[in-house]
N, C-alpha and C. Protein backbone atom coordinates (compact mmCIF):
# COMPACT_ATOMS: atom_id res chain seq x y z
N MET A 1 0.85 -1.19 0.00
CA MET A 1 0.00 0.00 0.00
C MET A 1 0.88 1.24 0.00
N ALA A 2 0.41 2.30 -0.65
CA ALA A 2 1.17 3.55 -0.73
C ALA A 2 1.30 4.18 0.65
N ASN A 3 2.48 4.71 0.92
CA ASN A 3 2.73 5.32 2.22
C ASN A 3 2.70 6.84 2.17
N THR A 4 3.40 7.41 1.21
CA THR A 4 3.51 8.86 1.16
C THR A 4 2.23 9.49 0.61
N THR A 5 2.06 10.76 0.93
CA THR A 5 0.88 11.49 0.46
C THR A 5 0.86 11.55 -1.06
N SER A 6 2.02 11.79 -1.66
CA SER A 6 2.08 11.90 -3.12
C SER A 6 1.78 10.56 -3.79
N ALA A 7 2.20 9.46 -3.16
CA ALA A 7 1.92 8.14 -3.73
C ALA A 7 0.42 7.82 -3.64
N LYS A 8 -0.20 8.25 -2.54
CA LYS A 8 -1.65 8.04 -2.40
C LYS A 8 -2.41 8.84 -3.45
N LYS A 9 -1.96 10.07 -3.69
CA LYS A 9 -2.60 10.91 -4.70
C LYS A 9 -2.41 10.28 -6.09
N ALA A 10 -1.22 9.79 -6.35
CA ALA A 10 -0.94 9.16 -7.65
C ALA A 10 -1.86 7.97 -7.86
N THR A 11 -2.10 7.19 -6.81
CA THR A 11 -2.99 6.04 -6.90
C THR A 11 -4.41 6.48 -7.24
N ARG A 12 -4.86 7.57 -6.63
CA ARG A 12 -6.20 8.08 -6.93
C ARG A 12 -6.29 8.56 -8.39
N LYS A 13 -5.25 9.25 -8.85
CA LYS A 13 -5.23 9.75 -10.23
C LYS A 13 -5.26 8.59 -11.22
N ILE A 14 -4.47 7.57 -10.94
CA ILE A 14 -4.41 6.40 -11.83
C ILE A 14 -5.78 5.74 -11.90
N ALA A 15 -6.46 5.62 -10.75
CA ALA A 15 -7.78 4.99 -10.72
C ALA A 15 -8.78 5.79 -11.57
N ARG A 16 -8.70 7.13 -11.47
CA ARG A 16 -9.59 7.99 -12.26
C ARG A 16 -9.33 7.81 -13.75
N ARG A 17 -8.06 7.87 -14.15
CA ARG A 17 -7.69 7.74 -15.56
C ARG A 17 -8.09 6.37 -16.10
N THR A 18 -7.91 5.34 -15.28
CA THR A 18 -8.26 3.98 -15.70
C THR A 18 -9.75 3.89 -16.00
N ALA A 19 -10.57 4.48 -15.15
CA ALA A 19 -12.01 4.46 -15.35
C ALA A 19 -12.39 5.18 -16.64
N VAL A 20 -11.78 6.33 -16.90
CA VAL A 20 -12.07 7.10 -18.10
C VAL A 20 -11.65 6.32 -19.34
N ASN A 21 -10.43 5.76 -19.29
CA ASN A 21 -9.92 5.01 -20.45
C ASN A 21 -10.75 3.77 -20.71
N LYS A 22 -11.20 3.12 -19.66
CA LYS A 22 -12.03 1.93 -19.81
C LYS A 22 -13.34 2.28 -20.50
N ALA A 23 -13.93 3.40 -20.11
CA ALA A 23 -15.18 3.85 -20.73
C ALA A 23 -14.96 4.17 -22.21
N ARG A 24 -13.86 4.85 -22.51
CA ARG A 24 -13.56 5.19 -23.91
C ARG A 24 -13.34 3.93 -24.75
N ARG A 25 -12.58 2.98 -24.20
CA ARG A 25 -12.30 1.74 -24.93
C ARG A 25 -13.58 0.97 -25.19
N SER A 26 -14.46 0.94 -24.19
CA SER A 26 -15.74 0.25 -24.33
C SER A 26 -16.59 0.92 -25.42
N ARG A 27 -16.59 2.24 -25.42
CA ARG A 27 -17.35 3.00 -26.42
C ARG A 27 -16.85 2.71 -27.83
N VAL A 28 -15.53 2.66 -27.99
CA VAL A 28 -14.93 2.36 -29.30
C VAL A 28 -15.35 0.96 -29.75
N ARG A 29 -15.26 0.00 -28.84
CA ARG A 29 -15.62 -1.39 -29.18
C ARG A 29 -17.08 -1.49 -29.61
N THR A 30 -17.95 -0.72 -28.95
CA THR A 30 -19.37 -0.73 -29.30
C THR A 30 -19.58 -0.22 -30.72
N PHE A 31 -18.91 0.88 -31.06
CA PHE A 31 -19.05 1.45 -32.40
C PHE A 31 -18.51 0.50 -33.46
N VAL A 32 -17.37 -0.14 -33.17
CA VAL A 32 -16.77 -1.09 -34.12
C VAL A 32 -17.69 -2.30 -34.29
N ARG A 33 -18.28 -2.76 -33.19
CA ARG A 33 -19.17 -3.92 -33.25
C ARG A 33 -20.40 -3.61 -34.12
N LYS A 34 -20.91 -2.38 -34.02
CA LYS A 34 -22.06 -1.99 -34.84
C LYS A 34 -21.72 -2.05 -36.33
N VAL A 35 -20.50 -1.63 -36.68
CA VAL A 35 -20.06 -1.71 -38.08
C VAL A 35 -19.99 -3.17 -38.51
N GLU A 36 -19.38 -4.00 -37.67
CA GLU A 36 -19.21 -5.42 -38.02
C GLU A 36 -20.56 -6.13 -38.15
N GLU A 37 -21.52 -5.78 -37.30
CA GLU A 37 -22.85 -6.38 -37.40
C GLU A 37 -23.54 -5.96 -38.69
N ALA A 38 -23.37 -4.70 -39.08
CA ALA A 38 -23.96 -4.23 -40.33
C ALA A 38 -23.31 -4.92 -41.52
N ILE A 39 -22.00 -5.15 -41.45
CA ILE A 39 -21.29 -5.87 -42.52
C ILE A 39 -21.82 -7.30 -42.61
N ALA A 40 -21.98 -7.93 -41.45
CA ALA A 40 -22.44 -9.32 -41.42
C ALA A 40 -23.86 -9.45 -41.98
N SER A 41 -24.69 -8.42 -41.74
CA SER A 41 -26.06 -8.47 -42.25
C SER A 41 -26.13 -8.18 -43.75
N GLY A 42 -25.04 -7.62 -44.30
CA GLY A 42 -24.98 -7.33 -45.73
C GLY A 42 -25.65 -6.03 -46.13
N ASP A 43 -25.97 -5.20 -45.15
CA ASP A 43 -26.63 -3.91 -45.43
C ASP A 43 -25.56 -2.83 -45.61
N LYS A 44 -25.28 -2.50 -46.87
CA LYS A 44 -24.19 -1.57 -47.17
C LYS A 44 -24.46 -0.16 -46.63
N ALA A 45 -25.70 0.31 -46.76
CA ALA A 45 -26.03 1.67 -46.29
C ALA A 45 -25.84 1.78 -44.79
N ALA A 46 -26.32 0.77 -44.05
CA ALA A 46 -26.17 0.78 -42.60
C ALA A 46 -24.70 0.67 -42.20
N ALA A 47 -23.95 -0.14 -42.94
CA ALA A 47 -22.53 -0.32 -42.64
C ALA A 47 -21.76 0.98 -42.86
N GLU A 48 -22.10 1.69 -43.95
CA GLU A 48 -21.43 2.97 -44.22
C GLU A 48 -21.76 4.00 -43.15
N ALA A 49 -23.02 4.02 -42.73
CA ALA A 49 -23.42 4.96 -41.68
C ALA A 49 -22.72 4.63 -40.36
N ALA A 50 -22.64 3.35 -40.04
CA ALA A 50 -21.97 2.92 -38.81
C ALA A 50 -20.48 3.24 -38.87
N LEU A 51 -19.88 3.08 -40.04
CA LEU A 51 -18.46 3.39 -40.20
C LEU A 51 -18.21 4.88 -40.01
N ARG A 52 -19.11 5.71 -40.57
CA ARG A 52 -18.96 7.16 -40.41
C ARG A 52 -19.06 7.56 -38.94
N ALA A 53 -19.84 6.83 -38.16
CA ALA A 53 -19.96 7.11 -36.73
C ALA A 53 -18.75 6.57 -35.96
N ALA A 54 -18.22 5.44 -36.40
CA ALA A 54 -17.11 4.79 -35.68
C ALA A 54 -15.78 5.47 -35.91
N GLN A 55 -15.59 6.02 -37.10
CA GLN A 55 -14.29 6.60 -37.44
C GLN A 55 -13.86 7.71 -36.48
N PRO A 56 -14.70 8.71 -36.18
CA PRO A 56 -14.26 9.74 -35.23
C PRO A 56 -14.01 9.19 -33.82
N GLU A 57 -14.77 8.17 -33.43
CA GLU A 57 -14.55 7.56 -32.11
C GLU A 57 -13.16 6.93 -32.04
N LEU A 58 -12.79 6.21 -33.09
CA LEU A 58 -11.46 5.59 -33.12
C LEU A 58 -10.36 6.64 -33.11
N GLN A 59 -10.54 7.69 -33.90
CA GLN A 59 -9.51 8.74 -33.96
C GLN A 59 -9.42 9.49 -32.62
N ARG A 60 -10.55 9.70 -31.97
CA ARG A 60 -10.54 10.37 -30.67
C ARG A 60 -9.83 9.51 -29.63
N ALA A 61 -10.08 8.20 -29.68
CA ALA A 61 -9.39 7.30 -28.75
C ALA A 61 -7.89 7.35 -28.97
N ALA A 62 -7.47 7.48 -30.22
CA ALA A 62 -6.04 7.58 -30.52
C ALA A 62 -5.48 8.90 -29.99
N THR A 63 -6.24 9.97 -30.16
CA THR A 63 -5.80 11.29 -29.68
C THR A 63 -5.65 11.29 -28.17
N LYS A 64 -6.56 10.61 -27.48
CA LYS A 64 -6.54 10.60 -26.02
C LYS A 64 -5.57 9.57 -25.45
N GLY A 65 -4.95 8.77 -26.32
CA GLY A 65 -3.96 7.81 -25.84
C GLY A 65 -4.53 6.47 -25.43
N VAL A 66 -5.80 6.23 -25.72
CA VAL A 66 -6.41 4.94 -25.38
C VAL A 66 -5.92 3.89 -26.38
N LEU A 67 -5.85 4.28 -27.65
CA LEU A 67 -5.32 3.42 -28.71
C LEU A 67 -4.11 4.11 -29.33
N HIS A 68 -3.21 3.32 -29.89
CA HIS A 68 -2.10 3.89 -30.65
C HIS A 68 -2.66 4.46 -31.95
N ARG A 69 -2.04 5.51 -32.45
CA ARG A 69 -2.50 6.18 -33.67
C ARG A 69 -2.58 5.21 -34.84
N ASN A 70 -1.57 4.38 -35.01
CA ASN A 70 -1.54 3.43 -36.13
C ASN A 70 -2.60 2.35 -35.97
N THR A 71 -2.88 1.96 -34.75
CA THR A 71 -3.91 0.95 -34.50
C THR A 71 -5.27 1.48 -34.94
N ALA A 72 -5.57 2.72 -34.56
CA ALA A 72 -6.85 3.32 -34.95
C ALA A 72 -6.96 3.42 -36.46
N SER A 73 -5.88 3.86 -37.11
CA SER A 73 -5.89 3.99 -38.57
C SER A 73 -6.06 2.64 -39.24
N ARG A 74 -5.39 1.63 -38.70
CA ARG A 74 -5.50 0.28 -39.27
C ARG A 74 -6.93 -0.24 -39.16
N LYS A 75 -7.56 -0.03 -38.00
CA LYS A 75 -8.93 -0.50 -37.81
C LYS A 75 -9.89 0.20 -38.77
N VAL A 76 -9.73 1.52 -38.91
CA VAL A 76 -10.59 2.27 -39.82
C VAL A 76 -10.40 1.76 -41.25
N SER A 77 -9.14 1.56 -41.63
CA SER A 77 -8.84 1.12 -42.99
C SER A 77 -9.44 -0.25 -43.28
N ARG A 78 -9.28 -1.18 -42.36
CA ARG A 78 -9.80 -2.53 -42.57
C ARG A 78 -11.32 -2.57 -42.58
N LEU A 79 -11.94 -1.78 -41.70
CA LEU A 79 -13.40 -1.72 -41.70
C LEU A 79 -13.90 -1.11 -43.00
N ALA A 80 -13.22 -0.05 -43.46
CA ALA A 80 -13.64 0.62 -44.70
C ALA A 80 -13.53 -0.32 -45.89
N SER A 81 -12.46 -1.11 -45.93
CA SER A 81 -12.32 -2.03 -47.07
C SER A 81 -13.37 -3.12 -47.02
N ARG A 82 -13.75 -3.56 -45.81
CA ARG A 82 -14.80 -4.58 -45.69
C ARG A 82 -16.16 -4.02 -46.08
N VAL A 83 -16.42 -2.76 -45.69
CA VAL A 83 -17.68 -2.11 -46.06
C VAL A 83 -17.75 -1.95 -47.57
N LYS A 84 -16.62 -1.55 -48.16
CA LYS A 84 -16.57 -1.33 -49.60
C LYS A 84 -16.83 -2.61 -50.38
N SER A 85 -16.41 -3.76 -49.82
CA SER A 85 -16.54 -5.03 -50.54
C SER A 85 -17.94 -5.64 -50.44
N ILE A 86 -18.83 -5.02 -49.65
CA ILE A 86 -20.20 -5.55 -49.53
C ILE A 86 -20.90 -5.41 -50.89
N GLY A 87 -21.49 -6.49 -51.33
CA GLY A 87 -22.26 -6.47 -52.57
C GLY A 87 -21.40 -6.48 -53.82
N ALA A 88 -20.09 -6.65 -53.63
CA ALA A 88 -19.22 -6.66 -54.81
C ALA A 88 -19.01 -8.08 -55.33
């Protein structure tokens, strides 16, 4: 257990950041799942709409440090190519 005052404060800060990051990561996963469900159903219009909603969430997570920048870009790219291939 933390002994010093500064270590106790650091523990509180870490707990707060962890909760925020967990919420952001969960939100990103929800948006990505909606895109994947639309792709699985074969509905191109819904998939495109879901992708447009998911893209800023992924980029925001990258900006906030929840995801690495390249990871977010890779996910957007792969989802976009899957959406594009629907009905082709």
